[in-house]
Every structure is written in structure tokens, then in C-alpha cells.
Amino acid sequence: MRTFVLLAAAWAATDPPAEAPPPEPPWSGPSGYAMIRVSTGSFVMGSPDNEAGRNMDERRHEVQITRGFWLGEKEVTQALWTTVMGSSPFVADYKGVPLVGLRLPAQGVSWLDAVRFCNALSTLDGLEHAYAVNGTDVSWTPSSRGYRLPTEAEWEYAARAGTDRAYTGARGSGGLCGVANVADATTRRKWPEWTGAVPCNDGFLGPAPVGSLLANAWRLFDLSGNVSEWVWDRYGPYPDGPATDPTGPEAGSLHLARGGSWADNGTFNRIAHRKRHPADFTDAFTGIRLARSE
């Protein structure tokens, strides 16, 4: 059973206008995985003290992104995963709700599975590997232009897309349900014990086909909701002051996933929320979105 905390409806707030989206059209390699170029810039990472559901590990600090990068327009689908890996590790259902479909996001994959997928897709698309994988030991070559996981800072920078709100892209009367597949009125009717479900309706009981809802200002879909997304970083405290291109701690047993999921309420779908799991952890609510260095 998923458990939730009931929150005030902060999801309907209005933010300052977002920066213009990147001008470049999406890029894709032979596999067809479309990516949006994200330009350099700076932003404030973490959450303000008065944000509903805030955790103590979300201390605000300024981050400079000095290297442009490419980020998946959408989450990796089950169809692409199966084509690349020749396997279907996906959780089949949740309490009778089907979770498998070609256009649904890949899930049931660990952080270690995710880095292996990055290398396998790089091979398919004729790119050098970003990772050296030796059993459970993984090292990253930042200069590589192969597929990789975004850093935690890159992920949050792209999710915020020039705004400073709790959820990516949410604005206007549609609120959170216009841009994110979350625990909502539909799931509350199915599972009345989900008392923290947000009081709107995104139209999906389980995961949604990727890209079903509105993109954020930088044309990136599902950064809040649908499935949480593995990032490169290990879990650790944020720095006390400004940071430049942070990549997380050098050591640690937990890796981060960002963005919340279709089974999470407002607290866990906030941009700033940090989920952490062992590298071999899998569940029905965690998948991946890929990045590439320029």
C-alpha cells in the first residue's frame, strides 16, 4: 500500500513567466530516441522554506550549469528498452491495474540496469560509452558523448525550465494534473486509502503513455509524475554554498531518483523531492530518462 501526507493545494500557484524554450529542434540517433538541447545557465536548486511537503535535504543553493547537454524529450519507453536490451523486466500490474505497454515508460529497472541500458543504446546508435561497468562498479567519463543519466542538478535545472515553482510546467486552472500523471481523483476512487491524492484528475489510473500531458517550457514531458527517473548522483547533503556542475558524492550506498510517479501525491512529485534507493533497487514506479554531453 502506498501512503501519503495530505497537503494544501500549492500546485495551483502562479509563477513568473518561464524563459523561452531552446530554439534547436529535437535530436535523435538511429534508435529514434528524441532529445532536447539544454543550454548553459544558473538556477536555485532545492525548495524554499515555506514549500508544502519540504524535506530538510532540499537546502536552497545556487548552481551553475557551464556545459550544455541533451536531455530526453520523454521517458524511455518499454518498447525501446525491449528493443535495446532484449528483455522485459517490467512489473506487470499493480493491484490489477496493467503496467505494461509499448508506449508506457520503462519501470522495474534498477540504477545498475539503467547505466547498462545507456551503454547498450550508445552501441546501437554508434556512440562511445559514457560508462565503464565492472560488476557493480561504475565510472563515468564526462567527456564522452554517449548516452548517460543526467546529473541531479541537470535534471532539476531542466525540470524548472527557468521557473521557480513546486512542479514542472504546472500553470493555470489545469494545475498539476495538466502536466503530470500523479495520484489524483481517479486513483482515490480506486483506492480510497490514498487520502493524500491531489484533488484534480489527469485521466490515468496507472502510468500514462509517455508525452501524454503538457510539456514544460523547454518541451520536456513528464518530469513531474508518471515514473520517477534515475539520475547519476549518489545521495548526499547539498553543499553549503554555490556549486558548479555538481555530480554528487564520490561514495555512498544510495542513488537518487527524481520526479515522482503516477502513484505519488503532491509531496513526492515536487521538483525538489529527492528519492534515494540502493543501486539494485527496482519497483513499478521508477524508470529512466537519458542525457548526452555536448
C-alpha atoms as a PDB file:
ATOM      1  CA  MET A   1       0.000   0.000   0.000  1.00  0.00           C
ATOM      2  CA  ARG A   2       1.258   3.460  -0.849  1.00  0.00           C
ATOM      3  CA  THR A   3       0.927   6.021   1.944  1.00  0.00           C
ATOM      4  CA  PHE A   4       0.568   9.774   1.552  1.00  0.00           C
ATOM      5  CA  VAL A   5       0.507  13.011   3.504  1.00  0.00           C
ATOM      6  CA  LEU A   6      -2.425  15.365   2.942  1.00  0.00           C
ATOM      7  CA  LEU A   7      -1.186  18.769   1.720  1.00  0.00           C
ATOM      8  CA  ALA A   8      -2.593  22.150   0.922  1.00  0.00           C
ATOM      9  CA  ALA A   9      -3.219  22.680  -2.789  1.00  0.00           C
ATOM     10  CA  ALA A  10       0.016  24.542  -3.555  1.00  0.00           C
ATOM     11  CA  TRP A  11       0.026  23.066  -7.053  1.00  0.00           C
ATOM     12  CA  ALA A  12      -2.260  25.745  -8.487  1.00  0.00           C
ATOM     13  CA  ALA A  13       0.060  28.704  -7.796  1.00  0.00           C
ATOM     14  CA  THR A  14       1.250  31.096 -10.495  1.00  0.00           C
ATOM     15  CA  ASP A  15       4.935  31.706 -11.254  1.00  0.00           C
ATOM     16  CA  PRO A  16       6.867  34.334 -13.190  1.00  0.00           C
ATOM     17  CA  PRO A  17       6.988  33.663 -16.951  1.00  0.00           C
ATOM     18  CA  ALA A  18       9.401  30.906 -17.976  1.00  0.00           C
ATOM     19  CA  GLU A  19      12.416  31.514 -20.156  1.00  0.00           C
ATOM     20  CA  ALA A  20      11.929  30.824 -23.858  1.00  0.00           C
ATOM     21  CA  PRO A  21      12.374  27.168 -24.867  1.00  0.00           C
ATOM     22  CA  PRO A  22      15.595  26.158 -26.592  1.00  0.00           C
ATOM     23  CA  PRO A  23      15.450  27.053 -30.312  1.00  0.00           C
ATOM     24  CA  GLU A  24      17.007  23.839 -31.589  1.00  0.00           C
ATOM     25  CA  PRO A  25      14.727  21.068 -32.880  1.00  0.00           C
ATOM     26  CA  PRO A  26      14.888  17.703 -31.119  1.00  0.00           C
ATOM     27  CA  TRP A  27      17.842  15.458 -31.992  1.00  0.00           C
ATOM     28  CA  SER A  28      17.693  11.699 -32.292  1.00  0.00           C
ATOM     29  CA  GLY A  29      20.116   8.962 -33.262  1.00  0.00           C
ATOM     30  CA  PRO A  30      19.267   5.871 -35.330  1.00  0.00           C
ATOM     31  CA  SER A  31      17.262   4.453 -32.412  1.00  0.00           C
ATOM     32  CA  GLY A  32      14.854   7.366 -32.639  1.00  0.00           C
ATOM     33  CA  TYR A  33      15.168   8.481 -29.014  1.00  0.00           C
ATOM     34  CA  ALA A  34      14.441  12.220 -29.243  1.00  0.00           C
ATOM     35  CA  MET A  35      16.429  14.683 -27.149  1.00  0.00           C
ATOM     36  CA  ILE A  36      16.146  18.412 -26.443  1.00  0.00           C
ATOM     37  CA  ARG A  37      19.254  20.597 -26.140  1.00  0.00           C
ATOM     38  CA  VAL A  38      19.503  22.364 -22.795  1.00  0.00           C
ATOM     39  CA  SER A  39      21.689  25.469 -22.762  1.00  0.00           C
ATOM     40  CA  THR A  40      24.036  26.608 -20.009  1.00  0.00           C
ATOM     41  CA  GLY A  41      22.735  28.788 -17.208  1.00  0.00           C
ATOM     42  CA  SER A  42      22.208  29.103 -13.489  1.00  0.00           C
ATOM     43  CA  PHE A  43      19.316  28.372 -11.150  1.00  0.00           C
ATOM     44  CA  VAL A  44      18.457  27.970  -7.492  1.00  0.00           C
ATOM     45  CA  MET A  45      18.316  24.278  -6.596  1.00  0.00           C
ATOM     46  CA  GLY A  46      16.227  22.978  -3.704  1.00  0.00           C
ATOM     47  CA  SER A  47      12.993  24.243  -2.170  1.00  0.00           C
ATOM     48  CA  PRO A  48      12.020  27.378  -0.243  1.00  0.00           C
ATOM     49  CA  ASP A  49      11.379  27.023   3.480  1.00  0.00           C
ATOM     50  CA  ASN A  50       7.634  27.561   3.026  1.00  0.00           C
ATOM     51  CA  GLU A  51       7.068  24.959   0.278  1.00  0.00           C
ATOM     52  CA  ALA A  52       4.417  22.425   1.335  1.00  0.00           C
ATOM     53  CA  GLY A  53       5.924  18.989   1.911  1.00  0.00           C
ATOM     54  CA  ARG A  54       9.505  20.281   2.008  1.00  0.00           C
ATOM     55  CA  ASN A  55      12.215  17.956   3.346  1.00  0.00           C
ATOM     56  CA  MET A  56      15.325  19.010   5.256  1.00  0.00           C
ATOM     57  CA  ASP A  57      17.650  17.706   2.494  1.00  0.00           C
ATOM     58  CA  GLU A  58      16.380  20.319  -0.004  1.00  0.00           C
ATOM     59  CA  ARG A  59      18.505  23.273   1.147  1.00  0.00           C
ATOM     60  CA  ARG A  60      18.454  26.034  -1.466  1.00  0.00           C
ATOM     61  CA  HIS A  61      21.725  26.874  -3.196  1.00  0.00           C
ATOM     62  CA  GLU A  62      22.751  28.422  -6.493  1.00  0.00           C
ATOM     63  CA  VAL A  63      24.027  26.093  -9.201  1.00  0.00           C
ATOM     64  CA  GLN A  64      25.873  26.991 -12.384  1.00  0.00           C
ATOM     65  CA  ILE A  65      25.480  24.686 -15.386  1.00  0.00           C
ATOM     66  CA  THR A  66      28.503  25.538 -17.540  1.00  0.00           C
ATOM     67  CA  ARG A  67      28.180  22.758 -20.125  1.00  0.00           C
ATOM     68  CA  GLY A  68      25.178  22.427 -22.392  1.00  0.00           C
ATOM     69  CA  PHE A  69      23.671  18.954 -22.664  1.00  0.00           C
ATOM     70  CA  TRP A  70      20.945  16.982 -24.355  1.00  0.00           C
ATOM     71  CA  LEU A  71      18.051  15.517 -22.370  1.00  0.00           C
ATOM     72  CA  GLY A  72      15.405  13.045 -23.434  1.00  0.00           C
ATOM     73  CA  GLU A  73      12.223  14.763 -24.559  1.00  0.00           C
ATOM     74  CA  LYS A  74      10.334  11.880 -22.939  1.00  0.00           C
ATOM     75  CA  GLU A  75      10.998   8.977 -20.617  1.00  0.00           C
ATOM     76  CA  VAL A  76      12.412   5.767 -22.106  1.00  0.00           C
ATOM     77  CA  THR A  77       9.547   3.555 -23.247  1.00  0.00           C
ATOM     78  CA  GLN A  78       9.122  -0.144 -22.676  1.00  0.00           C
ATOM     79  CA  ALA A  79       9.302  -0.623 -26.449  1.00  0.00           C
ATOM     80  CA  LEU A  80      12.749   0.993 -26.669  1.00  0.00           C
ATOM     81  CA  TRP A  81      14.029  -0.853 -23.610  1.00  0.00           C
ATOM     82  CA  THR A  82      12.931  -4.226 -25.000  1.00  0.00           C
ATOM     83  CA  THR A  83      14.429  -3.480 -28.420  1.00  0.00           C
ATOM     84  CA  VAL A  84      17.792  -2.496 -26.937  1.00  0.00           C
ATOM     85  CA  MET A  85      18.110  -4.978 -24.075  1.00  0.00           C
ATOM     86  CA  GLY A  86      16.122  -7.939 -25.400  1.00  0.00           C
ATOM     87  CA  SER A  87      14.368  -8.218 -22.040  1.00  0.00           C
ATOM     88  CA  SER A  88      11.169  -7.030 -20.410  1.00  0.00           C
ATOM     89  CA  PRO A  89      11.796  -6.643 -16.667  1.00  0.00           C
ATOM     90  CA  PHE A  90       8.678  -4.535 -16.168  1.00  0.00           C
ATOM     91  CA  VAL A  91       6.267  -5.076 -13.292  1.00  0.00           C
ATOM     92  CA  ALA A  92       3.130  -6.468 -14.951  1.00  0.00           C
ATOM     93  CA  ASP A  93       0.422  -4.903 -12.800  1.00  0.00           C
ATOM     94  CA  TYR A  94      -0.354  -3.064  -9.582  1.00  0.00           C
ATOM     95  CA  LYS A  95      -3.401  -4.416  -7.756  1.00  0.00           C
ATOM     96  CA  GLY A  96      -4.933  -5.442 -11.071  1.00  0.00           C
ATOM     97  CA  VAL A  97      -4.048  -2.245 -12.964  1.00  0.00           C
ATOM     98  CA  PRO A  98      -1.908  -3.153 -16.013  1.00  0.00           C
ATOM     99  CA  LEU A  99       1.518  -1.508 -16.152  1.00  0.00           C
ATOM    100  CA  VAL A 100       2.848  -2.975 -19.411  1.00  0.00           C
ATOM    101  CA  GLY A 101       2.551  -1.399 -22.856  1.00  0.00           C
ATOM    102  CA  LEU A 102       4.821  -0.354 -25.707  1.00  0.00           C
ATOM    103  CA  ARG A 103       4.373   3.392 -25.137  1.00  0.00           C
ATOM    104  CA  LEU A 104       4.350   3.196 -21.357  1.00  0.00           C
ATOM    105  CA  PRO A 105       7.516   4.218 -19.506  1.00  0.00           C
ATOM    106  CA  ALA A 106      10.016   1.502 -18.695  1.00  0.00           C
ATOM    107  CA  GLN A 107       9.910   0.574 -15.000  1.00  0.00           C
ATOM    108  CA  GLY A 108      11.095  -2.282 -12.818  1.00  0.00           C
ATOM    109  CA  VAL A 109      14.682  -1.319 -13.700  1.00  0.00           C
ATOM    110  CA  SER A 110      17.494  -0.613 -11.251  1.00  0.00           C
ATOM    111  CA  TRP A 111      20.135   2.117 -11.353  1.00  0.00           C
ATOM    112  CA  LEU A 112      22.636  -0.531 -12.490  1.00  0.00           C
ATOM    113  CA  ASP A 113      20.214  -1.660 -15.213  1.00  0.00           C
ATOM    114  CA  ALA A 114      19.902   1.973 -16.288  1.00  0.00           C
ATOM    115  CA  VAL A 115      23.643   2.546 -16.787  1.00  0.00           C
ATOM    116  CA  ARG A 116      23.896  -0.715 -18.739  1.00  0.00           C
ATOM    117  CA  PHE A 117      20.999   0.429 -20.917  1.00  0.00           C
ATOM    118  CA  CYS A 118      22.816   3.707 -21.595  1.00  0.00           C
ATOM    119  CA  ASN A 119      25.858   1.813 -22.891  1.00  0.00           C
ATOM    120  CA  ALA A 120      23.750  -0.611 -24.922  1.00  0.00           C
ATOM    121  CA  LEU A 121      21.858   2.223 -26.629  1.00  0.00           C
ATOM    122  CA  SER A 122      25.144   4.010 -27.294  1.00  0.00           C
ATOM    123  CA  THR A 123      26.387   0.889 -29.067  1.00  0.00           C
ATOM    124  CA  LEU A 124      23.191   0.706 -31.123  1.00  0.00           C
ATOM    125  CA  ASP A 125      23.498   4.367 -32.152  1.00  0.00           C
ATOM    126  CA  GLY A 126      27.247   4.260 -32.837  1.00  0.00           C
ATOM    127  CA  LEU A 127      28.292   6.380 -29.850  1.00  0.00           C
ATOM    128  CA  GLU A 128      31.113   5.830 -27.396  1.00  0.00           C
ATOM    129  CA  HIS A 129      30.151   4.505 -23.994  1.00  0.00           C
ATOM    130  CA  ALA A 130      29.756   7.035 -21.208  1.00  0.00           C
ATOM    131  CA  TYR A 131      30.245   4.385 -18.536  1.00  0.00           C
ATOM    132  CA  ALA A 132      32.787   1.730 -17.657  1.00  0.00           C
ATOM    133  CA  VAL A 133      30.884  -1.021 -15.855  1.00  0.00           C
ATOM    134  CA  ASN A 134      32.648  -3.756 -13.900  1.00  0.00           C
ATOM    135  CA  GLY A 135      30.024  -5.706 -11.995  1.00  0.00           C
ATOM    136  CA  THR A 136      28.550  -3.174  -9.569  1.00  0.00           C
ATOM    137  CA  ASP A 137      31.408  -0.676 -10.034  1.00  0.00           C
ATOM    138  CA  VAL A 138      30.520   2.118 -12.459  1.00  0.00           C
ATOM    139  CA  SER A 139      32.672   5.044 -13.551  1.00  0.00           C
ATOM    140  CA  TRP A 140      31.615   7.896 -15.827  1.00  0.00           C
ATOM    141  CA  THR A 141      33.717   9.619 -18.473  1.00  0.00           C
ATOM    142  CA  PRO A 142      32.187  13.132 -18.596  1.00  0.00           C
ATOM    143  CA  SER A 143      33.804  13.914 -21.965  1.00  0.00           C
ATOM    144  CA  SER A 144      32.002  11.002 -23.617  1.00  0.00           C
ATOM    145  CA  ARG A 145      29.088  11.866 -25.882  1.00  0.00           C
ATOM    146  CA  GLY A 146      27.364   8.552 -25.348  1.00  0.00           C
ATOM    147  CA  TYR A 147      24.049   8.192 -23.591  1.00  0.00           C
ATOM    148  CA  ARG A 148      24.090   8.626 -19.837  1.00  0.00           C
ATOM    149  CA  LEU A 149      21.892   9.519 -16.896  1.00  0.00           C
ATOM    150  CA  PRO A 150      21.508  13.228 -16.164  1.00  0.00           C
ATOM    151  CA  THR A 151      23.107  14.544 -13.026  1.00  0.00           C
ATOM    152  CA  GLU A 152      20.737  15.548 -10.266  1.00  0.00           C
ATOM    153  CA  ALA A 153      21.488  19.219 -10.949  1.00  0.00           C
ATOM    154  CA  GLU A 154      20.931  18.850 -14.710  1.00  0.00           C
ATOM    155  CA  TRP A 155      17.628  17.116 -14.050  1.00  0.00           C
ATOM    156  CA  GLU A 156      16.357  19.836 -11.718  1.00  0.00           C
ATOM    157  CA  TYR A 157      17.617  22.630 -13.982  1.00  0.00           C
ATOM    158  CA  ALA A 158      15.688  21.149 -16.910  1.00  0.00           C
ATOM    159  CA  ALA A 159      12.602  20.465 -14.814  1.00  0.00           C
ATOM    160  CA  ARG A 160      12.467  24.058 -13.564  1.00  0.00           C
ATOM    161  CA  ALA A 161      12.962  25.414 -17.111  1.00  0.00           C
ATOM    162  CA  GLY A 162      13.517  28.957 -15.937  1.00  0.00           C
ATOM    163  CA  THR A 163      10.740  28.985 -13.324  1.00  0.00           C
ATOM    164  CA  ASP A 164      10.769  28.622  -9.561  1.00  0.00           C
ATOM    165  CA  ARG A 165       7.696  26.610  -8.715  1.00  0.00           C
ATOM    166  CA  ALA A 166       6.976  23.330  -6.981  1.00  0.00           C
ATOM    167  CA  TYR A 167       6.033  21.365 -10.113  1.00  0.00           C
ATOM    168  CA  THR A 168       7.432  21.442 -13.609  1.00  0.00           C
ATOM    169  CA  GLY A 169       5.278  23.294 -16.113  1.00  0.00           C
ATOM    170  CA  ALA A 170       2.154  23.493 -13.928  1.00  0.00           C
ATOM    171  CA  ARG A 171       0.291  26.737 -14.507  1.00  0.00           C
ATOM    172  CA  GLY A 172      -3.270  27.935 -14.949  1.00  0.00           C
ATOM    173  CA  SER A 173      -6.511  26.214 -13.965  1.00  0.00           C
ATOM    174  CA  GLY A 174      -5.320  22.741 -15.010  1.00  0.00           C
ATOM    175  CA  GLY A 175      -2.803  22.746 -12.176  1.00  0.00           C
ATOM    176  CA  LEU A 176      -0.621  19.746 -11.550  1.00  0.00           C
ATOM    177  CA  CYS A 177      -2.915  17.300 -13.371  1.00  0.00           C
ATOM    178  CA  GLY A 178      -2.452  19.179 -16.634  1.00  0.00           C
ATOM    179  CA  VAL A 179       1.235  18.357 -16.787  1.00  0.00           C
ATOM    180  CA  ALA A 180       1.785  15.332 -14.555  1.00  0.00           C
ATOM    181  CA  ASN A 181       0.335  11.867 -14.106  1.00  0.00           C
ATOM    182  CA  VAL A 182       0.034  11.673 -10.315  1.00  0.00           C
ATOM    183  CA  ALA A 183      -2.108  10.128  -7.584  1.00  0.00           C
ATOM    184  CA  ASP A 184      -5.329  12.020  -8.273  1.00  0.00           C
ATOM    185  CA  ALA A 185      -9.108  11.781  -8.000  1.00  0.00           C
ATOM    186  CA  THR A 186      -9.128   8.695 -10.253  1.00  0.00           C
ATOM    187  CA  THR A 187      -6.721   6.769  -8.047  1.00  0.00           C
ATOM    188  CA  ARG A 188      -8.543   7.955  -4.919  1.00  0.00           C
ATOM    189  CA  ARG A 189     -11.776   6.412  -6.217  1.00  0.00           C
ATOM    190  CA  LYS A 190      -9.934   3.158  -6.941  1.00  0.00           C
ATOM    191  CA  TRP A 191      -8.014   3.135  -3.656  1.00  0.00           C
ATOM    192  CA  PRO A 192      -9.855   5.256  -1.024  1.00  0.00           C
ATOM    193  CA  GLU A 193      -6.977   4.765   1.407  1.00  0.00           C
ATOM    194  CA  TRP A 194      -4.836   7.080  -0.779  1.00  0.00           C
ATOM    195  CA  THR A 195      -6.044  10.063   1.232  1.00  0.00           C
ATOM    196  CA  GLY A 196      -3.285  12.397   0.020  1.00  0.00           C
ATOM    197  CA  ALA A 197      -4.224  12.191  -3.671  1.00  0.00           C
ATOM    198  CA  VAL A 198      -4.404  15.622  -5.302  1.00  0.00           C
ATOM    199  CA  PRO A 199      -7.946  16.966  -5.949  1.00  0.00           C
ATOM    200  CA  CYS A 200      -7.761  17.025  -9.738  1.00  0.00           C
ATOM    201  CA  ASN A 201      -7.911  14.415 -12.497  1.00  0.00           C
ATOM    202  CA  ASP A 202      -5.156  13.668 -15.017  1.00  0.00           C
ATOM    203  CA  GLY A 203      -7.191  10.952 -16.767  1.00  0.00           C
ATOM    204  CA  PHE A 204      -4.932   7.976 -15.989  1.00  0.00           C
ATOM    205  CA  LEU A 205      -5.280   5.315 -13.308  1.00  0.00           C
ATOM    206  CA  GLY A 206      -1.825   3.795 -13.842  1.00  0.00           C
ATOM    207  CA  PRO A 207       1.163   5.006 -15.871  1.00  0.00           C
ATOM    208  CA  ALA A 208       0.417   7.079 -18.969  1.00  0.00           C
ATOM    209  CA  PRO A 209       1.939   6.689 -22.426  1.00  0.00           C
ATOM    210  CA  VAL A 210       4.986   8.964 -22.406  1.00  0.00           C
ATOM    211  CA  GLY A 211       4.252  12.504 -23.558  1.00  0.00           C
ATOM    212  CA  SER A 212       0.501  12.288 -22.918  1.00  0.00           C
ATOM    213  CA  LEU A 213       0.317  15.514 -20.899  1.00  0.00           C
ATOM    214  CA  LEU A 214       1.678  19.019 -21.463  1.00  0.00           C
ATOM    215  CA  ALA A 215       5.411  19.623 -21.766  1.00  0.00           C
ATOM    216  CA  ASN A 216       7.226  22.230 -19.713  1.00  0.00           C
ATOM    217  CA  ALA A 217       8.595  25.459 -21.185  1.00  0.00           C
ATOM    218  CA  TRP A 218      11.614  23.628 -22.611  1.00  0.00           C
ATOM    219  CA  ARG A 219       9.472  20.989 -24.379  1.00  0.00           C
ATOM    220  CA  LEU A 220      10.262  18.210 -21.883  1.00  0.00           C
ATOM    221  CA  PHE A 221       7.452  15.858 -20.848  1.00  0.00           C
ATOM    222  CA  ASP A 222       6.655  14.015 -17.614  1.00  0.00           C
ATOM    223  CA  LEU A 223       9.407  15.454 -15.444  1.00  0.00           C
ATOM    224  CA  SER A 224       6.830  15.507 -12.666  1.00  0.00           C
ATOM    225  CA  GLY A 225       4.903  12.245 -12.359  1.00  0.00           C
ATOM    226  CA  ASN A 226       4.450   9.125 -14.495  1.00  0.00           C
ATOM    227  CA  VAL A 227       7.612   7.368 -13.247  1.00  0.00           C
ATOM    228  CA  SER A 228      10.468   8.600 -11.103  1.00  0.00           C
ATOM    229  CA  GLU A 229      13.702   8.844 -13.068  1.00  0.00           C
ATOM    230  CA  TRP A 230      17.126   7.604 -12.044  1.00  0.00           C
ATOM    231  CA  VAL A 231      19.896  10.214 -12.108  1.00  0.00           C
ATOM    232  CA  TRP A 232      23.657   9.746 -11.872  1.00  0.00           C
ATOM    233  CA  ASP A 233      24.294  11.068  -8.384  1.00  0.00           C
ATOM    234  CA  ARG A 234      24.639   9.213  -5.147  1.00  0.00           C
ATOM    235  CA  TYR A 235      22.582  10.613  -2.302  1.00  0.00           C
ATOM    236  CA  GLY A 236      24.228  13.141  -0.014  1.00  0.00           C
ATOM    237  CA  PRO A 237      23.726  16.594   1.519  1.00  0.00           C
ATOM    238  CA  TYR A 238      23.721  19.638  -0.713  1.00  0.00           C
ATOM    239  CA  PRO A 239      26.727  21.992  -0.478  1.00  0.00           C
ATOM    240  CA  ASP A 240      26.624  24.898   1.938  1.00  0.00           C
ATOM    241  CA  GLY A 241      27.194  27.435  -0.819  1.00  0.00           C
ATOM    242  CA  PRO A 242      27.090  27.809  -4.636  1.00  0.00           C
ATOM    243  CA  ALA A 243      28.085  24.863  -6.830  1.00  0.00           C
ATOM    244  CA  THR A 244      29.259  24.473 -10.420  1.00  0.00           C
ATOM    245  CA  ASP A 245      28.257  21.380 -12.432  1.00  0.00           C
ATOM    246  CA  PRO A 246      27.851  19.205  -9.305  1.00  0.00           C
ATOM    247  CA  THR A 247      27.869  15.428  -9.734  1.00  0.00           C
ATOM    248  CA  GLY A 248      27.148  14.284  -6.186  1.00  0.00           C
ATOM    249  CA  PRO A 249      29.263  12.467  -3.593  1.00  0.00           C
ATOM    250  CA  GLU A 250      32.142  10.235  -4.642  1.00  0.00           C
ATOM    251  CA  ALA A 251      30.891   7.380  -2.459  1.00  0.00           C
ATOM    252  CA  GLY A 252      27.663   6.190  -0.894  1.00  0.00           C
ATOM    253  CA  SER A 253      25.269   3.263  -0.971  1.00  0.00           C
ATOM    254  CA  LEU A 254      22.160   5.108  -2.206  1.00  0.00           C
ATOM    255  CA  HIS A 255      21.423   6.544  -5.642  1.00  0.00           C
ATOM    256  CA  LEU A 256      18.865   9.197  -6.475  1.00  0.00           C
ATOM    257  CA  ALA A 257      15.662   9.150  -8.496  1.00  0.00           C
ATOM    258  CA  ARG A 258      13.787  12.351  -9.232  1.00  0.00           C
ATOM    259  CA  GLY A 259      10.364  13.469 -10.394  1.00  0.00           C
ATOM    260  CA  GLY A 260       7.788  11.409  -8.509  1.00  0.00           C
ATOM    261  CA  SER A 261       5.365   8.983 -10.142  1.00  0.00           C
ATOM    262  CA  TRP A 262       1.766   8.182 -11.016  1.00  0.00           C
ATOM    263  CA  ALA A 263       1.330   6.657  -7.540  1.00  0.00           C
ATOM    264  CA  ASP A 264       2.745   9.658  -5.647  1.00  0.00           C
ATOM    265  CA  ASN A 265       0.933  12.675  -4.265  1.00  0.00           C
ATOM    266  CA  GLY A 266       1.926  16.323  -4.262  1.00  0.00           C
ATOM    267  CA  THR A 267       4.758  15.942  -1.737  1.00  0.00           C
ATOM    268  CA  PHE A 268       6.686  13.364  -3.729  1.00  0.00           C
ATOM    269  CA  ASN A 269       6.018  14.874  -7.157  1.00  0.00           C
ATOM    270  CA  ARG A 270       7.603  18.214  -6.279  1.00  0.00           C
ATOM    271  CA  ILE A 271      10.624  19.100  -8.423  1.00  0.00           C
ATOM    272  CA  ALA A 272      12.827  19.380  -5.323  1.00  0.00           C
ATOM    273  CA  HIS A 273      11.918  16.000  -3.799  1.00  0.00           C
ATOM    274  CA  ARG A 274      14.816  13.505  -3.670  1.00  0.00           C
ATOM    275  CA  LYS A 275      14.097   9.776  -3.642  1.00  0.00           C
ATOM    276  CA  ARG A 276      17.024   7.502  -2.773  1.00  0.00           C
ATOM    277  CA  HIS A 277      17.455   3.767  -3.253  1.00  0.00           C
ATOM    278  CA  PRO A 278      20.203   1.129  -3.428  1.00  0.00           C
ATOM    279  CA  ALA A 279      21.739   0.671  -6.880  1.00  0.00           C
ATOM    280  CA  ASP A 280      19.936  -2.661  -7.384  1.00  0.00           C
ATOM    281  CA  PHE A 281      16.512  -1.426  -6.209  1.00  0.00           C
ATOM    282  CA  THR A 282      13.533  -1.900  -8.552  1.00  0.00           C
ATOM    283  CA  ASP A 283       9.841  -1.115  -8.328  1.00  0.00           C
ATOM    284  CA  ALA A 284       6.843  -0.358 -10.530  1.00  0.00           C
ATOM    285  CA  PHE A 285       7.287   3.395 -10.152  1.00  0.00           C
ATOM    286  CA  THR A 286      10.894   4.077 -11.231  1.00  0.00           C
ATOM    287  CA  GLY A 287      12.249   4.365 -14.778  1.00  0.00           C
ATOM    288  CA  ILE A 288      14.730   6.482 -16.747  1.00  0.00           C
ATOM    289  CA  ARG A 289      15.290   9.478 -19.000  1.00  0.00           C
ATOM    290  CA  LEU A 290      18.607   9.780 -20.843  1.00  0.00           C
ATOM    291  CA  ALA A 291      21.085  12.610 -21.276  1.00  0.00           C
ATOM    292  CA  ARG A 292      24.096  13.236 -23.517  1.00  0.00           C
ATOM    293  CA  SER A 293      27.009  15.615 -23.111  1.00  0.00           C
ATOM    294  CA  GLU A 294      27.687  18.084 -25.911  1.00  0.00           C
END
